Amino acid sequence: MSNKKLIKQPVEESTFDFSEQQSKEIATFKFSKQQLVSSKKYAFQRDVLNALLKDGQVYTFSEVDQQLNDFLKGKVKK
């Protein structure tokens, strides 16, 4: 066996957050109304999406989520 001593050196930590960067990149993808209506993510809101979204436009997930939240939190007219 060798008598070499192991020296521990402090490791500099990275401040870059990969998960935050990836979520920003994912949010920039845009989808057509047809793609969103047929997606599994919005399977339970298909009818609402058909009414809210316009044909020929593209939307990010955050834009669709915001429109859904605004619609679902809206007041009922009497």
N, C-alpha and C. Protein backbone atom coordinates (compact mmCIF):
# COMPACT_ATOMS: atom_id res chain seq x y z
N MET A 1 0.82 -1.19 0.00
CA MET A 1 0.00 0.00 0.00
C MET A 1 0.86 1.25 0.00
N SER A 2 0.32 2.25 -0.57
CA SER A 2 1.03 3.51 -0.71
C SER A 2 0.72 4.43 0.47
N ASN A 3 1.63 5.27 0.82
CA ASN A 3 1.46 6.20 1.93
C ASN A 3 1.09 7.58 1.43
N LYS A 4 0.45 7.67 0.27
CA LYS A 4 0.06 8.98 -0.27
C LYS A 4 -1.13 9.52 0.50
N LYS A 5 -1.09 10.80 0.76
CA LYS A 5 -2.17 11.46 1.48
C LYS A 5 -3.12 12.11 0.49
N LEU A 6 -4.40 11.91 0.70
CA LEU A 6 -5.40 12.56 -0.15
C LEU A 6 -5.66 13.96 0.37
N ILE A 7 -5.66 14.90 -0.51
CA ILE A 7 -5.91 16.29 -0.13
C ILE A 7 -7.29 16.67 -0.65
N LYS A 8 -8.12 17.13 0.26
CA LYS A 8 -9.45 17.57 -0.13
C LYS A 8 -9.42 19.04 -0.45
N GLN A 9 -9.90 19.36 -1.63
CA GLN A 9 -9.96 20.75 -2.04
C GLN A 9 -11.41 21.15 -2.19
N PRO A 10 -11.74 22.37 -1.79
CA PRO A 10 -13.13 22.81 -1.94
C PRO A 10 -13.50 22.90 -3.42
N VAL A 11 -14.71 22.50 -3.72
CA VAL A 11 -15.21 22.55 -5.09
C VAL A 11 -16.07 23.79 -5.25
N GLU A 12 -15.81 24.53 -6.28
CA GLU A 12 -16.58 25.74 -6.52
C GLU A 12 -17.95 25.35 -7.07
N GLU A 13 -19.00 25.85 -6.45
CA GLU A 13 -20.35 25.51 -6.87
C GLU A 13 -20.82 26.42 -8.00
N SER A 14 -21.54 25.83 -8.93
CA SER A 14 -22.09 26.58 -10.04
C SER A 14 -23.40 27.24 -9.62
N THR A 15 -23.62 28.45 -10.07
CA THR A 15 -24.86 29.15 -9.74
C THR A 15 -25.87 29.07 -10.88
N PHE A 16 -25.55 28.33 -11.92
CA PHE A 16 -26.44 28.20 -13.06
C PHE A 16 -27.52 27.19 -12.75
N ASP A 17 -28.77 27.56 -12.96
CA ASP A 17 -29.90 26.68 -12.68
C ASP A 17 -30.42 26.12 -14.01
N PHE A 18 -30.12 24.85 -14.26
CA PHE A 18 -30.52 24.23 -15.52
C PHE A 18 -32.02 24.08 -15.63
N SER A 19 -32.68 23.74 -14.52
CA SER A 19 -34.13 23.53 -14.57
C SER A 19 -34.85 24.81 -14.95
N GLU A 20 -34.37 25.94 -14.44
CA GLU A 20 -35.00 27.23 -14.78
C GLU A 20 -34.78 27.54 -16.26
N GLN A 21 -33.60 27.29 -16.76
CA GLN A 21 -33.29 27.55 -18.16
C GLN A 21 -34.15 26.67 -19.07
N GLN A 22 -34.29 25.39 -18.73
CA GLN A 22 -35.07 24.49 -19.55
C GLN A 22 -36.54 24.88 -19.55
N SER A 23 -37.06 25.29 -18.41
CA SER A 23 -38.47 25.67 -18.36
C SER A 23 -38.72 26.92 -19.19
N LYS A 24 -37.76 27.82 -19.25
CA LYS A 24 -37.92 29.02 -20.09
C LYS A 24 -37.94 28.62 -21.56
N GLU A 25 -37.08 27.67 -21.93
CA GLU A 25 -37.04 27.23 -23.32
C GLU A 25 -38.32 26.51 -23.71
N ILE A 26 -38.86 25.70 -22.84
CA ILE A 26 -40.09 24.96 -23.12
C ILE A 26 -41.25 25.92 -23.30
N ALA A 27 -41.27 26.97 -22.52
CA ALA A 27 -42.37 27.93 -22.57
C ALA A 27 -42.39 28.72 -23.88
N THR A 28 -41.31 28.73 -24.64
CA THR A 28 -41.26 29.51 -25.87
C THR A 28 -41.81 28.77 -27.08
N PHE A 29 -42.08 27.48 -26.93
CA PHE A 29 -42.69 26.75 -28.04
C PHE A 29 -44.12 27.23 -28.23
N LYS A 30 -44.54 27.33 -29.48
CA LYS A 30 -45.90 27.77 -29.76
C LYS A 30 -46.63 26.68 -30.54
N PHE A 31 -47.92 26.58 -30.26
CA PHE A 31 -48.74 25.52 -30.85
C PHE A 31 -50.00 26.11 -31.45
N SER A 32 -50.49 25.47 -32.48
CA SER A 32 -51.73 25.91 -33.12
C SER A 32 -52.92 25.49 -32.27
N LYS A 33 -54.06 26.06 -32.57
CA LYS A 33 -55.29 25.71 -31.85
C LYS A 33 -55.56 24.22 -31.99
N GLN A 34 -55.41 23.68 -33.17
CA GLN A 34 -55.67 22.26 -33.41
C GLN A 34 -54.76 21.37 -32.57
N GLN A 35 -53.48 21.73 -32.49
CA GLN A 35 -52.55 20.95 -31.70
C GLN A 35 -52.92 20.97 -30.22
N LEU A 36 -53.30 22.13 -29.73
CA LEU A 36 -53.65 22.27 -28.32
C LEU A 36 -54.94 21.53 -27.98
N VAL A 37 -55.93 21.64 -28.87
CA VAL A 37 -57.22 20.99 -28.63
C VAL A 37 -57.06 19.47 -28.63
N SER A 38 -56.16 18.95 -29.45
CA SER A 38 -55.98 17.50 -29.53
C SER A 38 -54.92 16.97 -28.56
N SER A 39 -54.32 17.85 -27.76
CA SER A 39 -53.28 17.41 -26.83
C SER A 39 -53.86 16.75 -25.59
N LYS A 40 -53.07 15.87 -24.99
CA LYS A 40 -53.48 15.20 -23.75
C LYS A 40 -53.52 16.18 -22.59
N LYS A 41 -52.66 17.20 -22.63
CA LYS A 41 -52.58 18.17 -21.54
C LYS A 41 -53.92 18.89 -21.33
N TYR A 42 -54.59 19.18 -22.40
CA TYR A 42 -55.85 19.95 -22.31
C TYR A 42 -57.07 19.08 -22.68
N ALA A 43 -56.99 17.80 -22.43
CA ALA A 43 -58.07 16.88 -22.81
C ALA A 43 -59.40 17.25 -22.15
N PHE A 44 -59.36 17.73 -20.92
CA PHE A 44 -60.59 18.03 -20.20
C PHE A 44 -61.12 19.44 -20.49
N GLN A 45 -60.38 20.25 -21.22
CA GLN A 45 -60.81 21.61 -21.55
C GLN A 45 -60.97 21.82 -23.05
N ARG A 46 -61.16 20.76 -23.80
CA ARG A 46 -61.24 20.88 -25.26
C ARG A 46 -62.35 21.82 -25.72
N ASP A 47 -63.53 21.70 -25.13
CA ASP A 47 -64.64 22.55 -25.53
C ASP A 47 -64.34 24.02 -25.25
N VAL A 48 -63.75 24.28 -24.08
CA VAL A 48 -63.41 25.67 -23.71
C VAL A 48 -62.35 26.21 -24.66
N LEU A 49 -61.34 25.40 -24.96
CA LEU A 49 -60.29 25.85 -25.87
C LEU A 49 -60.84 26.14 -27.26
N ASN A 50 -61.75 25.31 -27.73
CA ASN A 50 -62.36 25.56 -29.04
C ASN A 50 -63.07 26.91 -29.07
N ALA A 51 -63.66 27.30 -27.95
CA ALA A 51 -64.37 28.58 -27.88
C ALA A 51 -63.41 29.76 -27.70
N LEU A 52 -62.36 29.58 -26.92
CA LEU A 52 -61.46 30.69 -26.59
C LEU A 52 -60.40 30.98 -27.66
N LEU A 53 -59.82 29.95 -28.22
CA LEU A 53 -58.69 30.14 -29.14
C LEU A 53 -59.18 30.40 -30.56
N LYS A 54 -58.38 31.18 -31.29
CA LYS A 54 -58.73 31.54 -32.66
C LYS A 54 -57.95 30.67 -33.65
N ASP A 55 -58.61 30.30 -34.72
CA ASP A 55 -57.95 29.54 -35.78
C ASP A 55 -56.87 30.39 -36.42
N GLY A 56 -55.77 29.75 -36.79
CA GLY A 56 -54.70 30.45 -37.49
C GLY A 56 -53.71 31.15 -36.57
N GLN A 57 -53.94 31.15 -35.26
CA GLN A 57 -52.99 31.75 -34.33
C GLN A 57 -52.25 30.65 -33.59
N VAL A 58 -51.08 31.00 -33.07
CA VAL A 58 -50.29 30.06 -32.28
C VAL A 58 -50.17 30.58 -30.85
N TYR A 59 -50.06 29.66 -29.90
CA TYR A 59 -50.07 30.00 -28.48
C TYR A 59 -49.01 29.20 -27.73
N THR A 60 -48.45 29.81 -26.68
CA THR A 60 -47.59 29.08 -25.76
C THR A 60 -48.47 28.45 -24.68
N PHE A 61 -47.92 27.50 -23.95
CA PHE A 61 -48.67 26.89 -22.86
C PHE A 61 -49.08 27.94 -21.83
N SER A 62 -48.19 28.87 -21.54
CA SER A 62 -48.51 29.88 -20.53
C SER A 62 -49.64 30.80 -21.01
N GLU A 63 -49.67 31.12 -22.28
CA GLU A 63 -50.77 31.94 -22.82
C GLU A 63 -52.10 31.21 -22.72
N VAL A 64 -52.09 29.93 -23.05
CA VAL A 64 -53.32 29.13 -22.99
C VAL A 64 -53.78 28.99 -21.54
N ASP A 65 -52.85 28.70 -20.65
CA ASP A 65 -53.19 28.57 -19.23
C ASP A 65 -53.78 29.87 -18.69
N GLN A 66 -53.22 31.00 -19.09
CA GLN A 66 -53.73 32.30 -18.64
C GLN A 66 -55.15 32.53 -19.16
N GLN A 67 -55.40 32.23 -20.42
CA GLN A 67 -56.74 32.41 -20.98
C GLN A 67 -57.75 31.49 -20.29
N LEU A 68 -57.34 30.25 -20.02
CA LEU A 68 -58.23 29.32 -19.32
C LEU A 68 -58.54 29.81 -17.91
N ASN A 69 -57.52 30.26 -17.19
CA ASN A 69 -57.73 30.76 -15.83
C ASN A 69 -58.64 31.98 -15.83
N ASP A 70 -58.42 32.91 -16.75
CA ASP A 70 -59.27 34.10 -16.83
C ASP A 70 -60.72 33.71 -17.10
N PHE A 71 -60.91 32.77 -18.01
CA PHE A 71 -62.26 32.34 -18.35
C PHE A 71 -62.94 31.62 -17.18
N LEU A 72 -62.22 30.70 -16.56
CA LEU A 72 -62.80 29.91 -15.49
C LEU A 72 -63.03 30.72 -14.22
N LYS A 73 -62.31 31.79 -14.02
CA LYS A 73 -62.48 32.63 -12.84
C LYS A 73 -63.43 33.79 -13.10
N GLY A 74 -63.95 33.90 -14.31
CA GLY A 74 -64.85 34.99 -14.66
C GLY A 74 -66.18 34.89 -13.92
N LYS A 75 -66.85 36.02 -13.84
CA LYS A 75 -68.15 36.06 -13.16
C LYS A 75 -69.25 35.56 -14.09
N VAL A 76 -70.24 34.96 -13.49
CA VAL A 76 -71.39 34.46 -14.24
C VAL A 76 -72.38 35.61 -14.41
N LYS A 77 -72.83 35.83 -15.63
CA LYS A 77 -73.81 36.89 -15.89
C LYS A 77 -75.21 36.36 -15.62
N LYS A 78 -76.02 37.19 -14.96
CA LYS A 78 -77.40 36.78 -14.66
C LYS A 78 -78.37 37.34 -15.67
